[in-house]
Protein backbone atom coordinates (compact mmCIF):
# COMPACT_ATOMS: atom_id res chain seq x y z
CA MET A 1 5.41 10.00 -44.91
CA ARG A 2 8.33 8.45 -43.02
CA THR A 3 8.88 11.70 -41.08
CA LEU A 4 5.23 11.75 -40.06
CA LEU A 5 5.42 8.13 -38.86
CA ILE A 6 8.61 8.79 -36.84
CA GLY A 7 7.04 11.90 -35.30
CA ALA A 8 3.95 9.93 -34.29
CA LEU A 9 6.09 7.20 -32.72
CA LEU A 10 8.16 9.74 -30.77
CA ALA A 11 5.01 11.46 -29.52
CA GLY A 12 3.63 8.11 -28.37
CA VAL A 13 6.84 7.23 -26.55
CA ALA A 14 6.95 10.63 -24.86
CA SER A 15 3.35 10.36 -23.65
CA ALA A 16 3.91 6.78 -22.47
CA GLY A 17 6.95 7.94 -20.51
CA ALA A 18 4.94 10.72 -18.86
CA ASN A 19 2.17 8.29 -17.91
CA ALA A 20 4.69 5.78 -16.57
CA ASN A 21 6.20 8.49 -14.38
CA GLU A 22 2.76 9.22 -12.90
CA THR A 23 1.83 5.65 -12.01
CA ASN A 24 5.07 3.71 -11.48
CA PRO A 25 6.91 3.66 -8.18
CA ALA A 26 10.50 4.88 -7.87
CA PRO A 27 12.98 2.81 -9.89
CA ARG A 28 15.25 2.36 -6.85
CA ILE A 29 15.11 2.70 -3.09
CA PRO A 30 14.57 6.45 -2.54
CA SER A 31 17.38 6.75 0.05
CA GLU A 32 19.86 5.44 -2.53
CA MET A 33 18.83 7.99 -5.16
CA THR A 34 20.77 11.22 -5.64
CA GLY A 35 19.11 14.59 -5.20
CA LYS A 36 18.99 15.11 -8.97
CA GLU A 37 17.33 11.73 -9.50
CA ILE A 38 14.73 12.54 -6.86
CA ASP A 39 14.08 15.95 -8.42
CA ALA A 40 13.65 14.33 -11.85
CA TYR A 41 11.34 11.69 -10.38
CA ASN A 42 9.23 14.28 -8.52
CA GLU A 43 8.93 16.58 -11.53
CA GLY A 44 5.27 17.05 -12.41
CA ARG A 45 3.99 15.48 -9.18
CA ALA A 46 2.08 17.33 -6.49
CA MET A 47 3.71 17.40 -3.05
CA THR A 48 0.65 15.54 -1.73
CA ASP A 49 1.00 12.68 -4.28
CA PRO A 50 1.53 9.34 -2.48
CA ASP A 51 4.51 8.62 -4.82
CA TYR A 52 6.20 11.99 -4.19
CA ILE A 53 9.60 11.43 -2.52
CA LYS A 54 10.54 13.49 0.54
CA CYS A 55 13.88 13.38 2.34
CA ARG A 56 14.56 14.06 6.00
CA ARG A 57 17.76 14.30 7.99
CA ILE A 58 17.48 12.09 11.07
CA PRO A 59 20.10 12.31 13.87
CA GLU A 60 22.18 9.20 14.39
CA SER A 61 21.96 7.71 17.88
CA GLY A 62 25.08 8.37 19.94
CA SER A 63 26.24 11.31 17.86
CA LEU A 64 25.65 15.00 18.42
CA VAL A 65 26.51 15.95 14.84
CA LYS A 66 26.01 13.08 12.39
CA LYS A 67 22.67 12.87 10.60
CA ASN A 68 21.45 10.28 8.14
CA ARG A 69 19.50 11.24 5.03
CA VAL A 70 16.34 9.15 4.80
CA CYS A 71 14.17 9.42 1.70
CA ARG A 72 10.76 7.79 1.31
CA THR A 73 7.57 8.32 -0.62
CA ASN A 74 4.67 10.04 1.13
CA ALA A 75 2.89 6.67 1.34
CA GLN A 76 5.94 5.09 3.01
CA TRP A 77 6.22 7.97 5.52
CA ILE A 78 2.53 7.57 6.42
CA ALA A 79 2.86 3.78 6.76
CA SER A 80 5.91 4.23 9.02
CA SER A 81 4.06 6.73 11.19
CA ASP A 82 1.01 4.48 11.43
CA LYS A 83 3.18 1.50 12.44
CA GLY A 84 4.89 3.58 15.14
CA ASN A 85 1.52 4.68 16.50
CA LEU A 86 0.25 1.09 16.49
CA ASP A 87 3.38 -0.13 18.31
CA ALA A 88 3.02 2.62 20.92
CA ARG A 89 -0.66 1.77 21.42
CA ASP A 90 0.17 -1.94 21.85
CA THR A 91 2.87 -1.07 24.39
CA MET A 92 0.50 1.09 26.43
CA GLU A 93 -2.16 -1.64 26.40
CA THR A 94 0.45 -4.14 27.62
CA LEU A 95 1.47 -1.78 30.43
CA ALA A 96 -2.16 -1.25 31.39
CA ARG A 97 -2.60 -5.03 31.76
CA GLY A 98 0.35 -5.13 34.15
CA TRP A 99 2.80 -7.02 31.92
CA SER A 100 0.88 -10.24 32.49
CA ASN A 101 -0.21 -12.36 29.56
CA SER A 102 -1.68 -14.95 31.87
CA VAL A 103 -5.32 -15.94 31.65
CA GLU A 104 -5.35 -17.65 35.05
CA PRO A 105 -7.58 -16.25 37.80
CA LYS A 106 -5.82 -13.84 40.18
CA GLN A 107 -6.14 -16.14 43.20
CA ASP A 108 -4.12 -18.82 41.36
CA LEU A 109 -1.33 -16.52 40.16
CA MET A 110 0.62 -16.33 43.44
CA SER A 111 -0.95 -18.92 45.69
CA HIS A 112 2.47 -20.08 46.91
CA ALA A 113 3.32 -16.61 48.29
CA GLU A 114 0.23 -16.13 50.48
CA PRO A 115 0.94 -15.46 54.17
CA ARG A 116 0.04 -18.25 56.58
């Protein structure tokens, strides 16, 4: 009877651990995890899963050789890309306005510089 109870408890713990791995985010910042930890974390996840961790090597500014390893979840990579696109769009809209945030009419902007 005791063996049956221990077996049932172990099976429950194992299934709870598998479910926790599917729904919980990474235990640490992905870039601080080792390759083995990332492989263990990604085990059983589809590559398209938002919690799947991918690493990229990004060149360091000012160096021809050095590259930094950056690891993020798919959701974090998408959020980073979306933020970059939004920043670029905002910059282009600012340039299209002519760098002026003024709401004054054009005739009042440079009235002191008009020829006489």
